[in-house]
Amino acid sequence: MVHSPLLPTENLQPTHPKAFERGPFLAAKSLLQTFSTTTRQRHPPPPPVSIPKHMHTHTHTKQKKNHIRFVTIGASSYCEKVRWGLDLLEADPESDVYYTEDAHPPVLASIATLEASEGEASMTPMVQYYEYECGDNKHGPQNQDSNNRKKKRILYDSTNILPIVCPFLYPIRYRNAIHAIETDLGARLGATVRCYMYHILFRPVHRQLLVDMATRHTSAIERILWSKLAMDDTTTTNTTTSKLLRGMRKVMGITEDSAAISLTTIRSIFEDISRQLHVVTTTPTRQKLDYLMDTESTKIGFTAADLTFCSLAAPLIAPPEAALFTLASTTTTQHTNINASNRNDGVMREGLILPRELLELRSELRNTVAGQHVLEIYRNHRLGAFRRTEQSTSDNSSAGSGGLQCVVGVGDANDGESAKIKMENHNTTKRCRVVLPKTVNRDRLPWKSDVTEAEVAAAAAGFLSGRDDAVRIALTSKL
């Protein structure tokens, strides 16, 4: 498919490691290394206690002992795509894998990814884990014999990560077709959603909302630093004077023209998906196909095609289950006072403004067949334990749902925890559970492991006032 030259690119230009060895990036790197850590991880979750009775005779519950470090930009739809897969993997009673999400704001995430990959890549999502090499050259996380050699492995780019960590989402017979859909949606939908949303949120009137979204689940020092850099302008127009945001605009190719063509492309993709899901012969109980790979005569089930489309569309559709990673929720990490003069530009939500353009687009897209598909798939597959189905091996292909089905209400991918939140703009009035981030507290001072944001802010004041070297030496001497 030929893309318009104005269409934003999926994979951004990588950040060179030397960029963090000078100027503001060097100061930011010093701040992050002093006041936060990336070495903490979650405790292994206990085995699921709510496995359906019919599963006990067919599955063996494994202890979670293989850990994956998942480096993200928390609000990124590409990261949500991999997060969804990892949640399914961790929820599988036959898997011994669990993960910890290491979330960072845009730009500052490159410090973590460059360090993890030893300068190889700066992009998110990125996963880091260890595999074990045996004498017969077979390797994998499950081979942990004491005589095996442990080897660090780094994967980046969601189209590379998901097939490796979640092969059950790619039934063999349909693998190439699923990859084609995944690649196309990554290039056209993921990049355009990112471009259009940033174009709106970069406006000064929505700047605090941008900060809130970009710094969710990150460390205190990252919230302080990114907020300072993003809010570093005084203009009341739509012109961005913040150097951080100007740089993001340039790297992502965000302009009035690219935002306009992104919006057109988004609508076109939703029309295409709606047509693909349409059934010729409708009945009172069947208005659309259940899954993207289904046909009217063949049921394939939930695959990476559905997961990819729904996760990349989530920032616009705002499914309730993804409330903590999108603008769907009234729950925020920071609040600000908005002048009365700004209130006509959007809808107020606890001191923050949700842009009217995004609310109107959300309503428009939710009323399409594709938009309803996103809400349905999130409702049925984003939460819940899953069970394996019988697979046909006569043609070396997976049958049914590709070896995976979700059982809603049996359990979830959040260590048995759930959060309830009242949502708006959804076709149900019921309270629903939301996906909880599998993160840990990464804040630290050199002399303390558990700190408050106020303590971090006070200690970091010396860095921000220009006394970088002296303060850093004074603090690190207390280690």
Protein backbone atom coordinates (compact mmCIF):
# COMPACT_ATOMS: atom_id res chain seq x y z
CA MET A 1 0.00 0.00 0.00
CA VAL A 2 1.33 3.44 -0.96
CA HIS A 3 1.19 5.93 1.87
CA SER A 4 0.85 9.67 1.52
CA PRO A 5 4.14 11.53 2.09
CA LEU A 6 2.28 13.59 4.72
CA LEU A 7 1.29 10.49 6.67
CA PRO A 8 3.35 10.27 9.90
CA THR A 9 5.78 7.38 10.18
CA GLU A 10 5.29 4.49 12.59
CA ASN A 11 8.89 4.10 13.77
CA LEU A 12 10.54 7.36 14.73
CA GLN A 13 14.17 8.24 14.11
CA PRO A 14 16.23 6.56 16.85
CA THR A 15 17.94 8.66 19.49
CA HIS A 16 21.72 8.38 19.38
CA PRO A 17 23.30 7.47 22.75
CA LYS A 18 25.58 10.53 22.53
CA ALA A 19 22.50 12.77 22.71
CA PHE A 20 22.36 12.07 26.45
CA GLU A 21 26.00 12.93 27.00
CA ARG A 22 25.62 16.69 26.66
CA GLY A 23 23.35 19.62 27.44
CA PRO A 24 19.87 19.25 28.95
CA PHE A 25 19.71 15.53 28.19
CA LEU A 26 22.83 14.93 30.29
CA ALA A 27 21.27 16.82 33.20
CA ALA A 28 18.04 14.84 32.79
CA LYS A 29 19.95 11.58 32.74
CA SER A 30 21.80 12.52 35.95
CA LEU A 31 18.52 13.43 37.63
CA LEU A 32 16.87 10.15 36.67
CA GLN A 33 19.82 8.04 37.74
CA THR A 34 19.98 9.82 41.11
CA PHE A 35 16.31 9.97 42.03
CA SER A 36 14.84 6.84 40.42
CA THR A 37 15.79 3.26 39.69
CA THR A 38 14.90 0.70 37.04
CA THR A 39 16.15 -2.36 38.94
CA ARG A 40 13.04 -3.09 41.03
CA GLN A 41 10.53 -5.67 39.94
CA ARG A 42 7.27 -7.14 41.12
CA HIS A 43 7.17 -10.18 43.35
CA PRO A 44 6.10 -13.27 41.42
CA PRO A 45 2.30 -13.45 41.53
CA PRO A 46 0.71 -16.47 43.24
CA PRO A 47 -0.97 -19.14 41.11
CA PRO A 48 -4.52 -18.19 40.11
CA VAL A 49 -7.04 -19.32 42.68
CA SER A 50 -10.12 -19.02 40.49
CA ILE A 51 -9.44 -21.56 37.75
CA PRO A 52 -12.71 -23.04 36.42
CA LYS A 53 -13.39 -26.60 37.51
CA HIS A 54 -13.32 -27.88 33.93
CA MET A 55 -9.71 -26.66 33.60
CA HIS A 56 -8.24 -28.59 36.53
CA THR A 57 -7.95 -31.87 34.63
CA HIS A 58 -6.39 -30.33 31.54
CA THR A 59 -3.88 -27.81 32.82
CA HIS A 60 -0.93 -27.71 35.14
CA THR A 61 -0.55 -24.47 37.09
CA LYS A 62 3.05 -23.34 36.95
CA GLN A 63 4.88 -21.16 39.42
CA LYS A 64 5.66 -17.74 37.97
CA LYS A 65 9.47 -17.61 37.96
CA ASN A 66 10.53 -16.14 34.60
CA HIS A 67 10.50 -12.36 34.68
CA ILE A 68 10.17 -9.90 31.78
CA ARG A 69 11.07 -6.24 32.12
CA PHE A 70 8.67 -4.24 29.95
CA VAL A 71 9.92 -0.72 29.12
CA THR A 72 7.13 1.57 27.94
CA ILE A 73 5.76 5.01 27.35
CA GLY A 74 2.71 4.38 29.48
CA ALA A 75 0.13 6.06 27.23
CA SER A 76 1.49 4.61 23.97
CA SER A 77 -0.98 2.47 22.03
CA TYR A 78 1.91 0.35 20.73
CA CYS A 79 2.84 -0.36 24.35
CA GLU A 80 -0.79 -1.21 25.17
CA LYS A 81 -0.66 -3.76 22.36
CA VAL A 82 2.26 -5.60 23.97
CA ARG A 83 0.88 -5.04 27.50
CA TRP A 84 -2.30 -6.84 26.49
CA GLY A 85 -0.31 -9.80 25.19
CA LEU A 86 1.84 -9.97 28.33
CA ASP A 87 -1.27 -9.84 30.52
CA LEU A 88 -2.71 -12.81 28.64
CA LEU A 89 0.59 -14.66 28.97
CA GLU A 90 0.85 -14.01 32.71
CA ALA A 91 -2.78 -15.04 33.25
CA ASP A 92 -2.18 -18.40 31.56
CA PRO A 93 -1.89 -21.07 34.31
CA GLU A 94 0.43 -23.05 32.03
CA SER A 95 2.87 -20.14 31.67
CA ASP A 96 5.65 -19.46 34.20
CA VAL A 97 6.14 -15.88 32.94
CA TYR A 98 5.31 -12.63 34.74
CA TYR A 99 6.40 -9.09 34.02
CA THR A 100 7.03 -5.64 35.47
CA GLU A 101 6.19 -2.53 33.50
CA ASP A 102 8.85 0.17 33.56
CA ALA A 103 6.91 3.24 32.36
CA HIS A 104 8.51 6.53 31.30
CA PRO A 105 7.38 9.77 29.64
CA PRO A 106 8.11 10.41 25.93
CA VAL A 107 11.74 11.32 25.16
CA LEU A 108 12.94 10.37 28.67
CA ALA A 109 12.03 6.75 27.87
CA SER A 110 15.04 6.69 25.54
CA ILE A 111 17.36 6.85 28.56
CA ALA A 112 15.95 3.55 29.81
CA THR A 113 15.79 1.81 26.42
CA LEU A 114 19.30 2.81 25.38
CA GLU A 115 20.63 1.56 28.70
CA ALA A 116 18.71 -1.73 28.51
CA SER A 117 19.74 -2.40 24.90
CA GLU A 118 23.32 -1.16 25.42
CA GLY A 119 22.81 1.56 22.81
CA GLU A 120 21.17 -0.69 20.21
CA ALA A 121 17.70 0.89 20.23
CA SER A 122 15.84 3.81 21.79
CA MET A 123 12.24 2.87 20.93
CA THR A 124 9.40 1.55 23.02
CA PRO A 125 7.88 -0.91 23.62
CA MET A 126 10.91 -2.95 24.62
CA VAL A 127 11.12 -6.19 26.57
CA GLN A 128 14.14 -7.57 28.36
CA TYR A 129 14.38 -11.12 29.63
CA TYR A 130 16.81 -13.98 30.02
CA GLU A 131 16.73 -17.25 28.15
CA TYR A 132 18.70 -20.38 28.88
CA GLU A 133 20.88 -22.14 26.35
CA CYS A 134 21.23 -25.93 26.60
CA GLY A 135 23.85 -28.20 25.17
CA ASP A 136 21.44 -29.34 22.45
CA ASN A 137 21.00 -25.71 21.32
CA LYS A 138 17.40 -25.66 22.49
CA HIS A 139 16.74 -22.58 24.50
CA GLY A 140 13.89 -20.75 26.14
CA PRO A 141 12.75 -19.42 29.50
CA GLN A 142 11.58 -22.84 30.59
CA ASN A 143 15.03 -24.45 30.47
CA GLN A 144 16.47 -23.31 33.78
CA ASP A 145 18.70 -26.22 34.63
CA SER A 146 21.69 -25.13 36.71
CA ASN A 147 24.03 -26.24 33.92
CA ASN A 148 22.41 -23.96 31.36
CA ARG A 149 23.86 -20.62 30.36
CA LYS A 150 21.73 -17.53 30.90
CA LYS A 151 21.62 -15.07 28.02
CA LYS A 152 20.07 -11.60 28.05
CA ARG A 153 17.64 -10.93 25.23
CA ILE A 154 16.18 -7.60 24.09
CA LEU A 155 13.17 -7.25 21.78
CA TYR A 156 11.71 -3.99 20.54
CA ASP A 157 8.93 -2.92 18.15
CA SER A 158 5.50 -4.39 18.91
CA THR A 159 5.38 -6.28 15.60
CA ASN A 160 8.55 -8.11 16.65
CA ILE A 161 7.66 -8.65 20.31
CA LEU A 162 4.11 -9.99 20.13
CA PRO A 163 4.71 -13.00 17.81
CA ILE A 164 7.61 -14.16 19.99
CA VAL A 165 6.08 -13.79 23.45
CA CYS A 166 2.49 -14.63 22.39
CA PRO A 167 2.63 -17.10 19.47
CA PHE A 168 -0.83 -18.41 20.44
CA LEU A 169 -2.27 -15.20 18.94
CA TYR A 170 -1.05 -16.27 15.48
CA PRO A 171 -2.75 -19.51 14.32
CA ILE A 172 -0.34 -21.13 11.88
CA ARG A 173 -2.71 -21.35 8.92
CA TYR A 174 -3.55 -17.63 9.14
CA ARG A 175 -0.23 -16.29 10.37
CA ASN A 176 0.75 -14.43 7.19
CA ALA A 177 -2.65 -12.78 6.88
CA ILE A 178 -2.55 -11.70 10.53
CA HIS A 179 0.95 -10.28 10.10
CA ALA A 180 -0.20 -8.30 7.06
CA ILE A 181 -3.09 -6.75 9.02
CA GLU A 182 -0.83 -6.05 11.99
CA THR A 183 1.80 -4.34 9.84
CA ASP A 184 -0.72 -2.23 7.94
CA LEU A 185 -2.52 -1.09 11.09
CA GLY A 186 0.77 -0.27 12.81
CA ALA A 187 1.83 1.97 9.93
CA ARG A 188 -1.52 3.65 9.23
CA LEU A 189 -3.59 3.58 12.43
CA GLY A 190 -1.03 3.67 15.24
CA ALA A 191 1.01 6.50 13.72
CA THR A 192 -2.01 8.60 12.76
CA VAL A 193 -3.72 8.26 16.14
CA ARG A 194 -0.50 9.36 17.83
CA CYS A 195 -0.08 12.32 15.45
CA TYR A 196 -3.65 13.58 15.76
CA MET A 197 -3.85 13.27 19.55
CA TYR A 198 -0.51 14.99 20.15
CA HIS A 199 -1.49 17.74 17.73
CA ILE A 200 -4.53 18.47 19.91
CA LEU A 201 -2.86 17.99 23.29
CA PHE A 202 0.17 20.17 22.47
CA ARG A 203 -2.06 23.24 22.62
CA PRO A 204 -1.33 25.30 25.77
CA VAL A 205 -4.94 25.03 26.98
CA HIS A 206 -4.55 21.22 27.11
CA ARG A 207 -0.94 21.16 28.29
CA GLN A 208 -1.70 19.94 31.83
CA LEU A 209 -3.80 17.12 30.39
CA LEU A 210 -0.85 16.18 28.19
CA VAL A 211 1.46 16.12 31.21
CA ASP A 212 -1.01 13.99 33.14
CA MET A 213 -1.32 11.45 30.33
CA ALA A 214 2.40 11.34 29.50
CA THR A 215 3.60 10.88 33.10
CA ARG A 216 1.13 8.34 34.45
CA HIS A 217 2.80 5.45 36.28
CA THR A 218 6.28 7.04 35.97
CA SER A 219 8.70 8.02 38.72
CA ALA A 220 8.29 11.27 40.68
CA ILE A 221 11.43 12.81 39.19
CA GLU A 222 10.19 12.09 35.66
CA ARG A 223 6.84 13.72 36.42
CA ILE A 224 8.60 16.79 37.84
CA LEU A 225 11.13 17.07 35.03
CA TRP A 226 8.77 16.34 32.12
CA SER A 227 6.17 18.74 33.48
CA LYS A 228 8.79 21.49 33.78
CA LEU A 229 10.00 20.91 30.22
CA ALA A 230 6.51 20.61 28.70
CA MET A 231 5.10 23.65 30.51
CA ASP A 232 8.12 25.79 29.64
CA ASP A 233 6.23 28.46 27.72
CA THR A 234 3.91 31.33 28.50
CA THR A 235 2.04 31.73 25.21
CA THR A 236 -1.75 31.67 25.20
CA THR A 237 -1.97 30.81 21.51
CA ASN A 238 -1.78 27.37 19.90
CA THR A 239 1.91 27.93 19.12
CA THR A 240 4.28 25.60 20.95
CA THR A 241 7.30 27.35 22.45
CA SER A 242 8.40 24.48 24.72
CA LYS A 243 11.65 23.10 23.30
CA LEU A 244 10.63 19.58 24.35
CA LEU A 245 7.34 19.73 22.46
CA ARG A 246 8.89 21.47 19.46
CA GLY A 247 11.37 18.62 19.25
CA MET A 248 8.58 16.04 19.50
CA ARG A 249 6.65 17.81 16.74
CA LYS A 250 9.68 17.71 14.47
CA VAL A 251 10.58 14.07 15.12
CA MET A 252 6.98 12.85 14.77
CA GLY A 253 6.20 15.06 11.79
CA ILE A 254 3.24 16.73 13.53
CA THR A 255 1.88 19.65 11.52
CA GLU A 256 -1.56 21.02 10.67
CA ASP A 257 -1.42 19.13 7.37
CA SER A 258 -0.26 15.81 8.84
CA ALA A 259 -2.90 16.05 11.59
CA ALA A 260 -5.61 16.66 8.99
CA ILE A 261 -4.55 13.73 6.83
CA SER A 262 -4.21 11.58 9.96
CA LEU A 263 -7.83 12.27 10.86
CA THR A 264 -8.94 11.39 7.32
CA THR A 265 -6.93 8.16 7.45
CA ILE A 266 -8.37 7.20 10.84
CA ARG A 267 -11.92 7.57 9.53
CA SER A 268 -11.03 5.60 6.40
CA ILE A 269 -9.59 2.72 8.46
CA PHE A 270 -12.71 2.56 10.64
CA GLU A 271 -14.83 2.41 7.47
CA ASP A 272 -12.65 -0.43 6.12
CA ILE A 273 -12.83 -2.42 9.35
CA SER A 274 -16.59 -1.86 9.59
CA ARG A 275 -17.02 -3.28 6.08
CA GLN A 276 -14.79 -6.23 6.92
CA LEU A 277 -16.90 -7.05 9.98
CA HIS A 278 -20.20 -6.64 8.14
CA VAL A 279 -22.26 -9.76 7.52
CA VAL A 280 -24.45 -10.00 4.45
CA THR A 281 -27.19 -12.00 6.12
CA THR A 282 -28.01 -10.36 9.44
CA THR A 283 -30.21 -11.84 12.14
CA PRO A 284 -31.56 -10.37 15.38
CA THR A 285 -28.65 -12.00 17.20
CA ARG A 286 -25.93 -11.49 14.59
CA GLN A 287 -25.24 -8.06 13.17
CA LYS A 288 -21.47 -8.40 12.62
CA LEU A 289 -18.66 -10.93 12.60
CA ASP A 290 -17.23 -11.66 16.01
CA TYR A 291 -13.56 -11.34 15.01
CA LEU A 292 -11.52 -9.80 12.21
CA MET A 293 -10.24 -13.13 10.88
CA ASP A 294 -13.71 -14.70 10.86
CA THR A 295 -15.80 -15.17 7.74
CA GLU A 296 -19.49 -15.97 7.53
CA SER A 297 -18.60 -19.64 7.08
CA THR A 298 -15.46 -19.96 9.22
CA LYS A 299 -14.82 -18.95 12.82
CA ILE A 300 -11.17 -18.29 13.61
CA GLY A 301 -11.63 -16.44 16.88
CA PHE A 302 -9.60 -13.84 18.75
CA THR A 303 -6.16 -13.29 17.23
CA ALA A 304 -3.42 -10.67 17.08
CA ALA A 305 -5.41 -8.94 14.34
CA ASP A 306 -8.18 -8.02 16.79
CA LEU A 307 -5.71 -7.22 19.55
CA THR A 308 -3.73 -4.91 17.26
CA PHE A 309 -6.69 -2.98 15.88
CA CYS A 310 -8.36 -2.55 19.27
CA SER A 311 -5.23 -1.52 21.17
CA LEU A 312 -4.14 1.00 18.51
CA ALA A 313 -7.68 2.44 18.40
CA ALA A 314 -8.02 2.55 22.20
CA PRO A 315 -6.72 6.14 22.70
CA LEU A 316 -9.61 7.42 20.56
CA ILE A 317 -12.35 4.96 21.59
CA ALA A 318 -11.33 4.99 25.28
CA PRO A 319 -12.68 1.59 26.38
CA PRO A 320 -13.49 1.61 30.12
CA GLU A 321 -11.14 -1.31 30.72
CA ALA A 322 -8.18 0.82 29.50
CA ALA A 323 -9.15 3.84 31.59
CA LEU A 324 -5.81 4.11 33.41
CA PHE A 325 -3.91 4.31 30.12
CA THR A 326 -6.20 6.61 28.10
CA LEU A 327 -8.22 9.81 28.51
CA ALA A 328 -11.33 7.78 29.35
CA SER A 329 -11.06 8.13 33.08
CA THR A 330 -11.87 10.86 35.57
CA THR A 331 -8.99 9.46 37.61
CA THR A 332 -5.86 11.59 37.14
CA THR A 333 -2.48 11.88 38.79
CA GLN A 334 -2.32 15.66 38.78
CA HIS A 335 -4.82 18.49 38.78
CA THR A 336 -4.73 22.14 37.86
CA ASN A 337 -7.02 25.15 37.94
CA ILE A 338 -8.40 26.06 34.53
CA ASN A 339 -9.41 29.63 33.77
CA ALA A 340 -13.09 30.17 33.01
CA SER A 341 -12.11 31.52 29.60
CA ASN A 342 -10.87 28.05 28.60
CA ARG A 343 -14.02 26.14 29.46
CA ASN A 344 -15.63 26.47 26.04
CA ASP A 345 -12.81 24.48 24.44
CA GLY A 346 -13.74 21.16 25.99
CA VAL A 347 -15.46 19.37 28.83
CA MET A 348 -14.25 19.79 32.39
CA ARG A 349 -13.05 16.67 34.24
CA GLU A 350 -11.78 17.28 37.78
CA GLY A 351 -9.82 20.39 36.89
CA LEU A 352 -8.65 19.16 33.49
CA ILE A 353 -10.13 19.79 30.04
CA LEU A 354 -10.89 16.94 27.67
CA PRO A 355 -10.57 18.45 24.18
CA ARG A 356 -13.91 18.81 22.43
CA GLU A 357 -12.43 17.53 19.16
CA LEU A 358 -11.44 14.25 20.82
CA LEU A 359 -14.80 13.86 22.55
CA GLU A 360 -16.69 14.41 19.31
CA LEU A 361 -14.41 12.03 17.40
CA ARG A 362 -14.82 9.43 20.16
CA SER A 363 -18.60 9.63 19.85
CA GLU A 364 -18.41 9.43 16.05
CA LEU A 365 -16.12 6.39 15.98
CA ARG A 366 -17.96 4.54 18.74
CA ASN A 367 -21.08 4.67 16.59
CA THR A 368 -19.38 2.68 13.82
CA VAL A 369 -19.30 -1.11 13.61
CA ALA A 370 -15.52 -0.96 14.07
CA GLY A 371 -15.85 1.22 17.16
CA GLN A 372 -18.36 -1.17 18.71
CA HIS A 373 -15.92 -3.99 17.92
CA VAL A 374 -13.22 -2.25 19.98
CA LEU A 375 -15.55 -1.90 22.98
CA GLU A 376 -16.74 -5.51 22.63
CA ILE A 377 -13.26 -7.01 22.32
CA TYR A 378 -11.98 -5.04 25.32
CA ARG A 379 -15.02 -6.08 27.33
CA ASN A 380 -14.67 -9.76 26.46
CA HIS A 381 -10.92 -10.24 26.12
CA ARG A 382 -8.96 -7.54 27.91
CA LEU A 383 -9.82 -8.91 31.33
CA GLY A 384 -10.32 -12.50 32.47
CA ALA A 385 -8.44 -15.72 32.76
CA PHE A 386 -8.16 -17.74 29.59
CA ARG A 387 -8.26 -21.43 28.80
CA ARG A 388 -6.69 -23.37 26.01
CA THR A 389 -8.87 -25.07 23.40
CA GLU A 390 -8.28 -28.35 21.63
CA GLN A 391 -6.10 -27.86 18.55
CA SER A 392 -6.16 -29.80 15.30
CA THR A 393 -2.74 -31.05 14.26
CA SER A 394 -3.78 -32.82 11.07
CA ASP A 395 -2.80 -29.80 8.96
CA ASN A 396 -0.28 -28.21 11.33
CA SER A 397 -2.67 -25.36 11.99
CA SER A 398 -4.44 -24.08 15.05
CA ALA A 399 -8.18 -24.43 15.20
CA GLY A 400 -10.87 -22.55 17.02
CA SER A 401 -9.65 -19.33 18.54
CA GLY A 402 -6.00 -19.93 17.90
CA GLY A 403 -5.60 -21.81 21.17
CA LEU A 404 -6.92 -19.01 23.34
CA GLN A 405 -10.22 -17.96 24.80
CA CYS A 406 -11.01 -15.49 27.53
CA VAL A 407 -13.40 -16.40 30.31
CA VAL A 408 -14.90 -13.18 31.59
CA GLY A 409 -15.51 -13.04 35.31
CA VAL A 410 -13.29 -16.01 36.14
CA GLY A 411 -10.23 -13.99 37.00
CA ASP A 412 -8.12 -11.25 35.53
CA ALA A 413 -4.61 -10.37 34.53
CA ASN A 414 -4.06 -8.12 37.53
CA ASP A 415 -3.04 -10.56 40.30
CA GLY A 416 -6.63 -10.83 41.45
CA GLU A 417 -6.91 -7.08 41.96
CA SER A 418 -9.45 -4.88 40.29
CA ALA A 419 -10.45 -1.25 40.27
CA LYS A 420 -13.95 0.04 39.66
CA ILE A 421 -14.60 3.34 38.03
CA LYS A 422 -17.72 5.04 36.69
CA MET A 423 -17.31 5.86 33.03
CA GLU A 424 -19.09 8.26 30.70
CA ASN A 425 -19.81 8.05 26.96
CA HIS A 426 -20.24 4.28 27.07
CA ASN A 427 -23.22 2.21 26.09
CA THR A 428 -23.69 0.76 29.55
CA THR A 429 -24.31 2.24 32.96
CA LYS A 430 -22.67 -0.64 34.79
CA ARG A 431 -19.51 -0.16 36.77
CA CYS A 432 -16.60 -1.98 35.21
CA ARG A 433 -13.18 -3.20 36.18
CA VAL A 434 -10.10 -1.61 34.67
CA VAL A 435 -6.69 -2.98 33.79
CA LEU A 436 -4.20 -2.11 36.50
CA PRO A 437 -0.59 -1.30 35.58
CA LYS A 438 1.92 -3.89 36.71
CA THR A 439 4.42 -1.27 37.87
CA VAL A 440 6.50 -0.75 41.00
CA ASN A 441 7.53 2.38 42.88
CA ARG A 442 10.79 3.48 41.27
CA ASP A 443 11.36 6.61 43.38
CA ARG A 444 14.44 6.86 45.53
CA LEU A 445 16.81 9.25 47.16
CA PRO A 446 20.39 8.11 47.56
CA TRP A 447 19.84 7.65 51.31
CA LYS A 448 16.22 6.38 51.22
CA SER A 449 14.32 3.77 49.26
CA ASP A 450 10.78 4.99 49.92
CA VAL A 451 10.21 8.69 49.28
CA THR A 452 7.45 11.16 48.57
CA GLU A 453 7.23 13.32 45.47
CA ALA A 454 7.74 16.40 47.62
CA GLU A 455 11.02 14.98 48.96
CA VAL A 456 12.22 14.22 45.46
CA ALA A 457 11.26 17.70 44.28
CA ALA A 458 13.10 19.35 47.15
CA ALA A 459 16.20 17.25 46.68
CA ALA A 460 16.18 17.82 42.91
CA ALA A 461 15.93 21.61 43.29
CA GLY A 462 19.72 21.91 43.23
CA PHE A 463 19.85 20.20 39.85
CA LEU A 464 17.12 22.37 38.40
CA SER A 465 18.75 25.58 39.66
CA GLY A 466 21.99 24.84 37.86
CA ARG A 467 24.11 23.48 40.74
CA ASP A 468 24.23 20.07 39.07
CA ASP A 469 27.72 18.82 39.82
CA ALA A 470 28.01 20.02 43.42
CA VAL A 471 24.60 18.74 44.44
CA ARG A 472 25.06 15.42 42.66
CA ILE A 473 28.40 14.84 44.40
CA ALA A 474 26.88 15.79 47.76
CA LEU A 475 23.93 13.44 47.32
CA THR A 476 25.80 10.47 45.90
CA SER A 477 28.33 10.72 48.75
CA LYS A 478 25.50 9.70 51.10
CA LEU A 479 24.97 6.37 49.36
